[in-house]
N, C-alpha and C. Protein backbone atom coordinates (compact mmCIF):
# COMPACT_ATOMS: atom_id res chain seq x y z
N MET A 1 9.26 15.96 105.09
CA MET A 1 9.20 15.61 103.93
C MET A 1 9.16 13.92 103.85
N ILE A 2 8.43 13.50 103.11
CA ILE A 2 8.46 12.07 102.73
C ILE A 2 9.22 11.60 101.48
N PHE A 3 10.10 10.72 101.42
CA PHE A 3 10.84 10.56 100.00
C PHE A 3 10.83 8.69 100.22
N PHE A 4 11.04 8.53 98.80
CA PHE A 4 11.12 7.22 98.64
C PHE A 4 12.11 6.63 97.68
N THR A 5 12.49 5.56 97.89
CA THR A 5 13.95 4.94 96.98
C THR A 5 13.82 3.63 97.33
N GLY A 6 14.59 2.48 96.60
CA GLY A 6 14.94 1.26 96.69
C GLY A 6 16.12 0.89 95.93
N ASP A 7 16.20 -0.48 96.05
CA ASP A 7 17.52 -1.02 95.26
C ASP A 7 18.68 -0.29 95.44
N THR A 8 18.88 0.12 96.55
CA THR A 8 20.18 0.45 96.76
C THR A 8 21.41 -0.57 96.64
N HIS A 9 20.92 -1.52 97.08
CA HIS A 9 22.02 -2.73 96.90
C HIS A 9 23.52 -2.47 97.70
N PHE A 10 23.49 -1.65 98.73
CA PHE A 10 24.73 -1.21 99.25
C PHE A 10 25.60 -2.78 99.43
N GLY A 11 27.07 -2.62 99.04
CA GLY A 11 27.65 -3.80 99.02
C GLY A 11 27.50 -4.76 98.14
N ASP A 12 26.81 -4.69 97.35
CA ASP A 12 26.39 -5.69 96.19
C ASP A 12 27.16 -5.58 94.87
N PRO A 13 28.14 -5.88 94.63
CA PRO A 13 29.01 -5.84 93.34
C PRO A 13 28.19 -6.12 91.95
N ARG A 14 27.16 -6.98 92.29
CA ARG A 14 26.38 -7.19 90.95
C ARG A 14 25.95 -5.94 90.37
N VAL A 15 25.48 -4.81 91.12
CA VAL A 15 24.84 -3.67 90.51
C VAL A 15 25.80 -3.06 89.61
N LEU A 16 27.17 -3.13 89.98
CA LEU A 16 28.36 -2.47 89.08
C LEU A 16 28.14 -3.07 87.70
N ARG A 17 27.85 -4.49 87.44
CA ARG A 17 28.12 -5.26 86.41
C ARG A 17 26.51 -5.13 85.79
N ILE A 18 25.77 -5.45 86.36
CA ILE A 18 24.16 -5.80 85.74
C ILE A 18 23.55 -4.40 85.46
N ASP A 19 23.64 -3.64 86.50
CA ASP A 19 22.73 -2.31 86.21
C ASP A 19 23.86 -1.19 85.71
N ARG A 20 24.88 -1.48 85.39
CA ARG A 20 25.84 -0.61 84.79
C ARG A 20 25.87 0.51 85.61
N ARG A 21 25.97 0.67 87.05
CA ARG A 21 26.16 1.98 87.73
C ARG A 21 27.58 2.56 87.61
N PRO A 22 27.51 3.70 87.52
CA PRO A 22 28.78 4.31 86.97
C PRO A 22 30.02 4.54 88.02
N PHE A 23 30.47 3.44 88.79
CA PHE A 23 31.34 3.28 89.88
C PHE A 23 32.45 2.51 89.50
N ASN A 24 33.79 2.54 89.99
CA ASN A 24 34.69 1.73 89.74
C ASN A 24 34.80 0.53 90.80
N SER A 25 34.15 0.83 92.07
CA SER A 25 34.34 -0.14 93.18
C SER A 25 33.16 0.08 94.15
N MET A 26 33.11 -1.06 94.60
CA MET A 26 31.79 -0.83 95.82
C MET A 26 31.89 0.14 97.00
N SER A 27 33.06 0.59 97.08
CA SER A 27 33.29 1.58 98.10
C SER A 27 32.99 3.06 97.51
N GLU A 28 33.30 3.00 96.35
CA GLU A 28 32.79 4.34 95.62
C GLU A 28 31.41 4.48 95.34
N HIS A 29 30.94 3.36 95.12
CA HIS A 29 29.32 3.17 94.83
C HIS A 29 28.56 3.65 96.24
N ASP A 30 29.14 3.06 97.16
CA ASP A 30 28.36 3.03 98.62
C ASP A 30 28.49 4.36 99.16
N ALA A 31 29.62 5.08 98.76
CA ALA A 31 29.92 6.34 99.24
C ALA A 31 29.23 7.44 98.71
N ALA A 32 29.03 7.02 97.34
CA ALA A 32 27.96 8.05 96.46
C ALA A 32 26.61 7.91 96.79
N LEU A 33 26.16 6.78 97.15
CA LEU A 33 24.61 6.63 97.34
C LEU A 33 24.36 7.31 98.91
N ILE A 34 25.46 7.19 99.62
CA ILE A 34 25.24 7.76 101.03
C ILE A 34 25.11 9.06 100.80
N LYS A 35 26.11 9.62 100.18
CA LYS A 35 26.20 11.34 99.96
C LYS A 35 24.93 11.76 99.20
N ASN A 36 24.41 10.96 98.08
CA ASN A 36 23.33 11.43 97.43
C ASN A 36 22.21 11.54 98.28
N TRP A 37 22.00 10.61 99.29
CA TRP A 37 20.73 10.31 100.08
C TRP A 37 20.75 11.36 101.17
N ASN A 38 21.90 11.62 101.87
CA ASN A 38 22.12 12.83 103.06
C ASN A 38 21.92 14.15 102.26
N GLU A 39 22.13 14.35 100.98
CA GLU A 39 22.08 15.53 100.18
C GLU A 39 20.52 16.10 100.09
N VAL A 40 19.49 15.00 99.95
CA VAL A 40 18.39 15.11 99.83
C VAL A 40 17.66 14.89 100.74
N VAL A 41 17.97 14.19 101.75
CA VAL A 41 17.22 13.61 102.85
C VAL A 41 17.51 14.54 104.30
N GLY A 42 16.84 15.13 105.01
CA GLY A 42 16.93 15.68 106.13
C GLY A 42 16.80 14.81 107.41
N GLY A 43 17.29 15.28 108.49
CA GLY A 43 17.19 14.40 109.75
C GLY A 43 15.76 14.25 110.12
N ASN A 44 14.78 15.07 109.87
CA ASN A 44 13.43 15.14 110.24
C ASN A 44 12.62 14.34 109.29
N ASP A 45 13.31 14.02 108.06
CA ASP A 45 12.41 13.54 106.96
C ASP A 45 12.01 12.09 107.18
N GLU A 46 11.26 11.29 106.24
CA GLU A 46 10.75 10.02 106.42
C GLU A 46 11.05 9.52 105.03
N VAL A 47 11.68 8.23 105.02
CA VAL A 47 12.22 7.66 103.71
C VAL A 47 11.60 6.20 104.04
N TRP A 48 10.95 6.04 102.63
CA TRP A 48 10.35 4.55 102.71
C TRP A 48 11.37 3.93 101.57
N HIS A 49 12.07 3.06 101.90
CA HIS A 49 12.94 2.23 101.30
C HIS A 49 12.32 1.01 100.54
N LEU A 50 11.99 0.81 99.28
CA LEU A 50 11.07 -0.26 98.90
C LEU A 50 11.88 -1.31 98.31
N GLY A 51 12.84 -1.92 99.19
CA GLY A 51 13.55 -3.25 98.93
C GLY A 51 14.87 -3.32 98.52
N ASP A 52 15.54 -4.30 98.71
CA ASP A 52 16.89 -4.66 98.42
C ASP A 52 17.83 -3.47 98.94
N PHE A 53 17.80 -3.39 100.00
CA PHE A 53 18.85 -2.27 100.79
C PHE A 53 20.28 -2.42 100.64
N MET A 54 20.53 -3.88 101.13
CA MET A 54 22.16 -4.09 101.09
C MET A 54 22.29 -5.63 101.28
N SER A 55 23.51 -5.98 100.59
CA SER A 55 23.80 -7.51 100.39
C SER A 55 24.34 -7.64 102.06
N ALA A 56 23.97 -9.10 102.31
CA ALA A 56 24.42 -9.70 103.43
C ALA A 56 25.91 -9.63 103.71
N LYS A 57 26.69 -9.47 102.72
CA LYS A 57 28.09 -9.32 102.75
C LYS A 57 28.50 -8.00 103.10
N ALA A 58 27.75 -7.00 103.10
CA ALA A 58 28.01 -5.52 102.89
C ALA A 58 28.64 -5.04 104.35
N GLY A 59 28.41 -5.81 105.21
CA GLY A 59 28.59 -5.30 106.99
C GLY A 59 27.49 -5.22 107.66
N ASN A 60 27.69 -4.21 108.77
CA ASN A 60 26.49 -3.97 109.62
C ASN A 60 25.34 -3.13 109.20
N CYS A 61 24.22 -3.36 109.04
CA CYS A 61 23.14 -2.85 108.54
C CYS A 61 22.87 -1.67 109.55
N THR A 62 22.75 -2.15 110.91
CA THR A 62 22.39 -1.09 111.76
C THR A 62 23.37 0.28 111.68
N GLU A 63 24.59 0.04 111.42
CA GLU A 63 25.72 0.87 111.37
C GLU A 63 25.42 1.88 110.07
N LEU A 64 25.26 1.01 108.99
CA LEU A 64 24.67 1.83 107.72
C LEU A 64 23.57 2.60 107.90
N LEU A 65 22.72 2.12 108.38
CA LEU A 65 21.20 2.93 108.61
C LEU A 65 21.73 4.19 109.58
N GLY A 66 22.58 4.08 110.58
CA GLY A 66 22.95 5.16 111.26
C GLY A 66 23.41 6.38 110.48
N ARG A 67 24.12 6.04 109.45
CA ARG A 67 24.77 7.05 108.56
C ARG A 67 23.92 7.78 107.64
N LEU A 68 22.56 7.21 107.43
CA LEU A 68 21.57 7.70 106.44
C LEU A 68 20.68 8.65 107.40
N ASN A 69 20.33 9.86 106.84
CA ASN A 69 19.47 10.70 107.51
C ASN A 69 18.15 10.17 107.19
N GLY A 70 17.25 10.85 108.20
CA GLY A 70 15.81 10.49 108.22
C GLY A 70 15.47 9.15 109.17
N ARG A 71 14.02 9.24 109.21
CA ARG A 71 13.29 8.01 109.61
C ARG A 71 12.98 7.03 108.67
N LYS A 72 13.40 5.83 108.97
CA LYS A 72 13.54 4.83 107.74
C LYS A 72 12.59 3.53 107.86
N HIS A 73 11.87 3.43 106.81
CA HIS A 73 11.02 2.38 106.80
C HIS A 73 11.44 1.32 105.64
N LEU A 74 11.21 0.23 105.95
CA LEU A 74 11.53 -1.03 104.80
C LEU A 74 10.45 -1.61 104.32
N ILE A 75 10.29 -1.86 103.12
CA ILE A 75 9.39 -2.70 102.30
C ILE A 75 10.48 -3.84 102.00
N VAL A 76 10.40 -4.87 102.34
CA VAL A 76 11.10 -6.03 102.14
C VAL A 76 11.40 -6.29 100.63
N GLY A 77 12.32 -6.44 100.27
CA GLY A 77 12.52 -6.99 98.91
C GLY A 77 13.32 -8.35 98.73
N ASN A 78 13.14 -8.95 97.47
CA ASN A 78 13.89 -10.23 97.44
C ASN A 78 15.29 -10.30 97.85
N ASN A 79 16.09 -9.15 97.94
CA ASN A 79 17.30 -9.56 98.17
C ASN A 79 17.63 -9.02 99.64
N ASP A 80 16.76 -8.72 100.40
CA ASP A 80 16.89 -8.55 101.75
C ASP A 80 17.10 -9.51 102.78
N PRO A 81 18.15 -10.00 103.35
CA PRO A 81 18.18 -10.92 104.23
C PRO A 81 17.67 -10.69 105.61
N THR A 82 17.64 -11.48 106.64
CA THR A 82 17.20 -11.23 107.71
C THR A 82 18.00 -10.06 108.60
N ALA A 83 19.44 -10.22 108.36
CA ALA A 83 20.10 -9.44 108.82
C ALA A 83 19.73 -7.86 108.52
N THR A 84 19.11 -7.72 107.54
CA THR A 84 18.78 -6.26 106.92
C THR A 84 17.49 -6.12 107.68
N SER A 85 16.46 -6.93 107.45
CA SER A 85 15.10 -6.67 107.82
C SER A 85 15.02 -6.85 109.52
N GLY A 86 15.82 -7.34 110.17
CA GLY A 86 16.00 -7.46 111.58
C GLY A 86 16.84 -6.32 112.25
N ALA A 87 17.77 -5.60 111.53
CA ALA A 87 18.43 -4.56 111.91
C ALA A 87 17.78 -3.49 112.70
N ASP A 88 18.39 -2.93 113.86
CA ASP A 88 18.08 -1.90 114.64
C ASP A 88 17.93 -0.64 113.53
N GLY A 89 17.10 0.20 113.69
CA GLY A 89 17.13 1.43 112.72
C GLY A 89 16.18 1.51 111.92
N TRP A 90 15.38 0.74 111.50
CA TRP A 90 14.16 0.81 110.81
C TRP A 90 12.89 1.08 111.65
N ALA A 91 12.43 2.34 111.26
CA ALA A 91 11.17 2.64 112.17
C ALA A 91 9.92 1.52 111.84
N SER A 92 10.07 0.97 110.54
CA SER A 92 9.09 -0.07 110.38
C SER A 92 9.73 -1.20 109.47
N VAL A 93 9.17 -2.32 109.20
CA VAL A 93 9.78 -3.16 108.37
C VAL A 93 8.14 -4.15 108.00
N GLN A 94 7.91 -4.23 106.67
CA GLN A 94 6.69 -4.96 106.27
C GLN A 94 7.10 -5.32 104.57
N HIS A 95 6.27 -6.03 104.09
CA HIS A 95 6.24 -6.56 102.90
C HIS A 95 5.39 -5.65 101.70
N TYR A 96 4.53 -4.89 102.47
CA TYR A 96 3.57 -4.10 102.01
C TYR A 96 3.13 -3.08 102.55
N ALA A 97 2.77 -1.91 102.17
CA ALA A 97 2.09 -0.89 102.96
C ALA A 97 1.33 -0.03 102.09
N GLU A 98 0.02 0.46 102.81
CA GLU A 98 -0.66 1.57 102.11
C GLU A 98 -0.58 2.91 102.74
N ILE A 99 -0.28 4.04 102.24
CA ILE A 99 -0.18 5.18 103.39
C ILE A 99 -0.70 6.39 102.37
N ARG A 100 -0.94 7.48 103.19
CA ARG A 100 -1.64 8.59 102.52
C ARG A 100 -0.46 9.58 102.55
N ALA A 101 -0.16 10.24 101.45
CA ALA A 101 0.92 11.23 101.60
C ALA A 101 0.38 12.29 100.49
N ASP A 102 0.59 13.80 101.03
CA ASP A 102 0.41 14.61 100.04
C ASP A 102 -0.91 14.52 99.30
N GLY A 103 -2.02 14.28 100.21
CA GLY A 103 -3.28 13.90 99.59
C GLY A 103 -3.34 12.57 98.62
N HIS A 104 -2.57 11.86 98.57
CA HIS A 104 -2.50 10.51 97.66
C HIS A 104 -2.47 9.39 98.36
N HIS A 105 -3.34 8.28 97.80
CA HIS A 105 -3.23 7.00 98.62
C HIS A 105 -2.15 6.05 97.69
N LEU A 106 -1.15 5.97 98.50
CA LEU A 106 -0.19 5.16 98.05
C LEU A 106 0.00 3.60 98.16
N ILE A 107 0.20 2.95 97.21
CA ILE A 107 0.55 1.38 97.28
C ILE A 107 1.86 1.15 97.24
N LEU A 108 2.64 0.87 98.26
CA LEU A 108 3.94 0.51 98.32
C LEU A 108 4.50 -0.84 98.41
N CYS A 109 5.14 -1.44 97.47
CA CYS A 109 5.89 -2.69 97.33
C CYS A 109 7.06 -2.82 96.63
N HIS A 110 7.79 -3.80 96.91
CA HIS A 110 9.20 -3.81 96.22
C HIS A 110 8.70 -4.09 94.85
N TYR A 111 7.57 -4.81 94.69
CA TYR A 111 7.36 -5.45 93.13
C TYR A 111 6.19 -4.38 92.63
N ALA A 112 6.33 -4.07 91.28
CA ALA A 112 5.29 -3.35 90.48
C ALA A 112 4.12 -4.40 90.30
N PHE A 113 3.11 -3.74 90.50
CA PHE A 113 1.66 -4.45 90.31
C PHE A 113 1.03 -4.03 88.85
N ARG A 114 0.22 -5.08 88.43
CA ARG A 114 -0.48 -4.89 87.14
C ARG A 114 -1.84 -4.22 87.70
N THR A 115 -2.32 -4.71 88.89
CA THR A 115 -3.42 -3.91 89.41
C THR A 115 -3.34 -3.93 90.87
N TRP A 116 -3.71 -2.99 91.48
CA TRP A 116 -3.63 -2.43 93.05
C TRP A 116 -4.72 -2.01 93.44
N ASN A 117 -4.89 -2.06 95.04
CA ASN A 117 -6.15 -1.44 95.48
C ASN A 117 -6.20 0.04 95.23
N GLN A 118 -7.54 0.25 94.99
CA GLN A 118 -8.09 1.58 94.78
C GLN A 118 -7.51 2.13 93.27
N MET A 119 -7.16 1.18 92.56
CA MET A 119 -6.60 1.60 91.48
C MET A 119 -7.42 2.70 90.39
N GLY A 120 -8.72 2.10 90.44
CA GLY A 120 -9.76 2.91 89.82
C GLY A 120 -10.23 4.33 90.42
N LYS A 121 -9.73 4.35 91.61
CA LYS A 121 -10.14 5.53 92.48
C LYS A 121 -8.72 6.61 92.48
N GLY A 122 -7.62 6.25 91.71
CA GLY A 122 -6.72 7.29 91.72
C GLY A 122 -5.33 6.97 92.58
N SER A 123 -5.44 5.77 93.27
CA SER A 123 -4.27 5.29 93.89
C SER A 123 -2.94 5.12 93.13
N ILE A 124 -1.87 5.38 93.70
CA ILE A 124 -0.76 5.19 93.03
C ILE A 124 0.06 3.98 93.49
N ASN A 125 0.56 3.45 92.66
CA ASN A 125 1.68 2.22 93.18
C ASN A 125 3.34 2.57 92.82
N LEU A 126 3.83 2.82 93.92
CA LEU A 126 5.31 2.92 93.99
C LEU A 126 5.99 1.65 94.22
N HIS A 127 7.11 1.34 93.36
CA HIS A 127 7.70 0.18 93.81
C HIS A 127 9.23 0.20 93.19
N GLY A 128 10.01 -0.69 93.41
CA GLY A 128 11.40 -0.80 92.99
C GLY A 128 11.49 -2.32 92.02
N HIS A 129 12.45 -2.77 92.41
CA HIS A 129 12.99 -4.29 91.64
C HIS A 129 13.19 -4.17 90.31
N SER A 130 12.57 -3.27 89.56
CA SER A 130 12.76 -3.46 88.19
C SER A 130 13.82 -2.77 87.61
N HIS A 131 14.85 -1.77 88.54
CA HIS A 131 15.78 -1.00 88.03
C HIS A 131 15.69 -0.21 86.86
N GLY A 132 14.40 0.28 86.75
CA GLY A 132 14.26 1.24 85.74
C GLY A 132 13.96 0.71 84.30
N ARG A 133 13.81 -0.72 84.41
CA ARG A 133 13.45 -1.22 83.10
C ARG A 133 12.10 -1.33 82.46
N LEU A 134 11.11 -1.27 83.55
CA LEU A 134 9.85 -1.55 83.13
C LEU A 134 9.08 -0.23 82.20
N LYS A 135 8.39 -0.53 81.39
CA LYS A 135 7.81 0.57 80.71
C LYS A 135 6.65 0.89 81.75
N PRO A 136 6.55 2.38 81.62
CA PRO A 136 5.95 3.33 82.52
C PRO A 136 4.41 2.96 82.41
N ALA A 137 3.63 2.83 83.47
CA ALA A 137 2.17 2.58 83.57
C ALA A 137 1.65 4.09 84.22
N PRO A 138 0.39 4.01 83.79
CA PRO A 138 -0.43 5.13 84.60
C PRO A 138 -0.23 5.04 85.88
N ARG A 139 -0.05 6.12 86.90
CA ARG A 139 -0.13 6.00 88.37
C ARG A 139 0.77 4.99 88.86
N GLN A 140 1.80 4.54 88.47
CA GLN A 140 2.90 3.63 88.81
C GLN A 140 4.22 4.17 88.45
N PHE A 141 5.03 4.11 89.69
CA PHE A 141 6.37 4.73 89.24
C PHE A 141 7.45 3.94 89.98
N ASP A 142 8.69 3.57 89.38
CA ASP A 142 9.77 3.07 89.95
C ASP A 142 10.35 3.89 90.81
N VAL A 143 10.68 3.78 92.00
CA VAL A 143 11.32 4.71 92.91
C VAL A 143 12.61 4.40 93.15
N GLY A 144 13.26 3.30 92.40
CA GLY A 144 14.51 2.75 92.68
C GLY A 144 15.66 3.57 92.22
N VAL A 145 16.74 3.46 92.86
CA VAL A 145 17.85 4.42 92.46
C VAL A 145 18.32 4.37 91.14
N ASP A 146 18.14 3.48 90.33
CA ASP A 146 18.27 3.31 88.86
C ASP A 146 17.50 4.22 88.06
N ALA A 147 16.41 4.40 88.45
CA ALA A 147 15.32 4.96 87.68
C ALA A 147 15.23 6.48 88.59
N GLN A 148 15.91 6.83 89.37
CA GLN A 148 15.75 8.13 89.96
C GLN A 148 17.07 9.13 90.41
N GLU A 149 17.84 8.82 89.37
CA GLU A 149 19.37 9.46 89.41
C GLU A 149 20.04 9.04 90.75
N LEU A 150 19.91 7.67 91.12
CA LEU A 150 20.81 7.30 92.43
C LEU A 150 20.32 8.00 93.65
N LYS A 151 19.18 8.48 93.75
CA LYS A 151 19.07 9.09 95.06
C LYS A 151 17.32 9.02 95.35
N PRO A 152 17.26 8.99 96.69
CA PRO A 152 15.61 9.31 97.10
C PRO A 152 14.86 10.28 96.38
N ILE A 153 13.46 10.17 96.21
CA ILE A 153 12.84 11.29 95.46
C ILE A 153 11.37 11.49 96.26
N SER A 154 11.10 12.80 96.47
CA SER A 154 9.78 13.26 96.87
C SER A 154 8.69 13.02 95.92
N LEU A 155 7.44 12.76 96.46
CA LEU A 155 6.13 12.72 95.31
C LEU A 155 6.32 14.13 94.61
N GLU A 156 6.41 15.29 95.04
CA GLU A 156 6.34 16.16 94.29
C GLU A 156 7.29 16.17 93.36
N HIS A 157 8.64 15.86 93.55
CA HIS A 157 9.68 15.81 92.42
C HIS A 157 9.42 14.77 91.39
N LEU A 158 8.89 13.33 92.02
CA LEU A 158 8.44 12.31 90.82
C LEU A 158 7.26 13.06 90.16
N PHE A 159 6.35 13.64 90.40
CA PHE A 159 5.21 14.15 89.51
C PHE A 159 5.85 15.25 88.64
N ALA A 160 6.66 16.03 89.12
CA ALA A 160 7.36 17.22 88.25
C ALA A 160 8.12 16.59 87.11
N VAL A 161 8.90 15.45 87.38
CA VAL A 161 9.63 14.92 86.32
C VAL A 161 8.80 14.16 85.39
N LYS A 162 7.76 13.19 85.69
CA LYS A 162 6.78 12.83 85.02
C LYS A 162 6.27 14.00 83.83
N GLN A 163 5.81 14.92 84.38
CA GLN A 163 5.11 15.99 83.67
C GLN A 163 6.09 16.82 82.72
N ARG A 164 7.28 16.84 83.00
CA ARG A 164 8.20 17.19 82.13
C ARG A 164 8.55 16.23 81.03
N LYS A 165 8.41 14.90 81.22
CA LYS A 165 8.69 13.95 80.32
C LYS A 165 7.49 14.00 79.49
N ALA A 166 6.23 14.39 79.76
CA ALA A 166 4.98 14.22 79.22
C ALA A 166 4.79 15.39 78.20
N LEU A 167 5.61 16.49 78.28
CA LEU A 167 5.55 17.69 77.50
C LEU A 167 6.00 17.35 76.11
N PRO A 168 5.33 17.79 75.13
CA PRO A 168 5.84 17.54 73.85
C PRO A 168 7.01 18.42 73.60
N ALA A 169 7.91 17.90 72.56
CA ALA A 169 9.03 18.44 72.47
C ALA A 169 8.64 19.87 71.64
N ALA A 170 9.47 20.96 71.97
CA ALA A 170 9.28 22.30 71.34
C ALA A 170 9.48 22.21 69.89
N ARG A 171 8.26 22.84 69.18
CA ARG A 171 8.42 22.92 67.66
C ARG A 171 9.05 24.21 67.26
N THR A 172 9.85 24.06 66.38
CA THR A 172 10.13 25.46 65.66
C THR A 172 9.43 25.75 64.35
N ALA A 173 9.36 26.98 64.32
CA ALA A 173 8.43 27.41 63.05
C ALA A 173 9.36 27.19 61.77
N PRO A 174 8.67 26.67 60.82
CA PRO A 174 9.60 26.46 59.59
C PRO A 174 10.10 27.97 59.02
N SER A 175 11.07 27.77 58.45
CA SER A 175 11.97 29.22 57.84
C SER A 175 10.97 29.72 56.71
N GLN A 176 10.81 31.00 56.55
CA GLN A 176 10.06 31.74 55.61
C GLN A 176 11.24 31.94 54.53
N ASP A 177 12.51 31.45 54.36
CA ASP A 177 13.15 31.70 53.34
C ASP A 177 12.91 31.11 52.16
C-alpha cells in the first residue's frame, strides 16, 4: 500500500507551540509520531513524505528512518537540511514528483499549488507545508500530520474522509406534536 504524510518536524520544538500539537515534550511528540506511523505503515508499504521531516538538531536522520516502517521517499520541504535529504534510508529524494497510484495521477510537492500538471484532466495535488490551515480546494489535499490525525494516510482513506465531510448533516423530521 502507498501512504502519504508530511510536516512531521521530528525534534523541532516549534511545532508544540506554533501548531499546538498535544504533547508536553519533544520526546513525547516524536515517540507518538513514530508509534502512529508504525501502526499504519507496514514493512512492505511505501511512504511519500512531503517535506519537513526533521530538525537538524534532532539527531541522526538515518537512525530515525530505520525506526520507521516502509520504503520511504522524501519530497524536500523548506525545513529539510542536507543532513536530512542526504541521509541513508530514503528510497528517493526530490523536490517534486508525479506518480500514478490507485488509478490516479498524483502531483506531489511540499507546497500547495494553485494550478498543476493535468489539473483539467483530473490529476490530484498532494502537499504539506500548510499544517491544515489552507481552505480545501477540489482535488487538492494536505497530507501533513496536522491535517491527518498525526499519521500517514492512504489515498483510499483520504478520499473516504473527504466524502464523509461532504455528506450533508442528517436532518431530523419536525415533530408532529
